[in-house]
Amino acid sequence: HWIPLMLFFLNLCYMF
């Protein structure tokens, strides 16, 4: 269950 977390992290970085 690390793929959703990574996607969320990338999305967060993309927002900033």
PDB file of N, CA and C in Angstrom:
ATOM      1  N   HIS A   1       0.843  -1.212   0.000  1.00  0.00           N
ATOM      2  CA  HIS A   1       0.000   0.000   0.000  1.00  0.00           C
ATOM      3  C   HIS A   1       0.875   1.258   0.000  1.00  0.00           C
ATOM      4  N   TRP A   2       1.844   1.269  -0.853  1.00  0.00           N
ATOM      5  CA  TRP A   2       2.746   2.434  -0.896  1.00  0.00           C
ATOM      6  C   TRP A   2       2.544   3.214  -2.195  1.00  0.00           C
ATOM      7  N   ILE A   3       1.876   2.586  -3.176  1.00  0.00           N
ATOM      8  CA  ILE A   3       1.634   3.276  -4.449  1.00  0.00           C
ATOM      9  C   ILE A   3       0.679   4.468  -4.252  1.00  0.00           C
ATOM     10  N   PRO A   4      -0.472   4.304  -3.599  1.00  0.00           N
ATOM     11  CA  PRO A   4      -1.384   5.439  -3.373  1.00  0.00           C
ATOM     12  C   PRO A   4      -0.693   6.549  -2.587  1.00  0.00           C
ATOM     13  N   LEU A   5       0.136   6.161  -1.622  1.00  0.00           N
ATOM     14  CA  LEU A   5       0.834   7.154  -0.817  1.00  0.00           C
ATOM     15  C   LEU A   5       1.805   7.948  -1.678  1.00  0.00           C
ATOM     16  N   MET A   6       2.507   7.253  -2.547  1.00  0.00           N
ATOM     17  CA  MET A   6       3.467   7.928  -3.427  1.00  0.00           C
ATOM     18  C   MET A   6       2.727   8.865  -4.386  1.00  0.00           C
ATOM     19  N   LEU A   7       1.609   8.389  -4.922  1.00  0.00           N
ATOM     20  CA  LEU A   7       0.824   9.221  -5.837  1.00  0.00           C
ATOM     21  C   LEU A   7       0.309  10.471  -5.117  1.00  0.00           C
ATOM     22  N   PHE A   8      -0.098  10.286  -3.887  1.00  0.00           N
ATOM     23  CA  PHE A   8      -0.588  11.419  -3.112  1.00  0.00           C
ATOM     24  C   PHE A   8       0.545  12.408  -2.851  1.00  0.00           C
ATOM     25  N   PHE A   9       1.713  11.885  -2.550  1.00  0.00           N
ATOM     26  CA  PHE A   9       2.869  12.740  -2.282  1.00  0.00           C
ATOM     27  C   PHE A   9       3.271  13.507  -3.536  1.00  0.00           C
ATOM     28  N   LEU A  10       3.255  12.819  -4.666  1.00  0.00           N
ATOM     29  CA  LEU A  10       3.605  13.480  -5.931  1.00  0.00           C
ATOM     30  C   LEU A  10       2.581  14.551  -6.267  1.00  0.00           C
ATOM     31  N   ASN A  11       1.325  14.263  -5.995  1.00  0.00           N
ATOM     32  CA  ASN A  11       0.272  15.232  -6.257  1.00  0.00           C
ATOM     33  C   ASN A  11       0.436  16.454  -5.354  1.00  0.00           C
ATOM     34  N   LEU A  12       0.831  16.220  -4.124  1.00  0.00           N
ATOM     35  CA  LEU A  12       1.046  17.313  -3.184  1.00  0.00           C
ATOM     36  C   LEU A  12       2.203  18.187  -3.667  1.00  0.00           C
ATOM     37  N   CYS A  13       3.266  17.562  -4.111  1.00  0.00           N
ATOM     38  CA  CYS A  13       4.423  18.310  -4.614  1.00  0.00           C
ATOM     39  C   CYS A  13       4.050  19.050  -5.897  1.00  0.00           C
ATOM     40  N   TYR A  14       3.194  18.447  -6.700  1.00  0.00           N
ATOM     41  CA  TYR A  14       2.790  19.080  -7.950  1.00  0.00           C
ATOM     42  C   TYR A  14       1.958  20.344  -7.667  1.00  0.00           C
ATOM     43  N   MET A  15       1.176  20.309  -6.613  1.00  0.00           N
ATOM     44  CA  MET A  15       0.384  21.478  -6.244  1.00  0.00           C
ATOM     45  C   MET A  15       1.306  22.632  -5.871  1.00  0.00           C
ATOM     46  N   PHE A  16       2.388  22.327  -5.173  1.00  0.00           N
ATOM     47  CA  PHE A  16       3.373  23.346  -4.792  1.00  0.00           C
ATOM     48  C   PHE A  16       4.472  23.386  -5.845  1.00  0.00           C
TER      49      PHE A  16
END
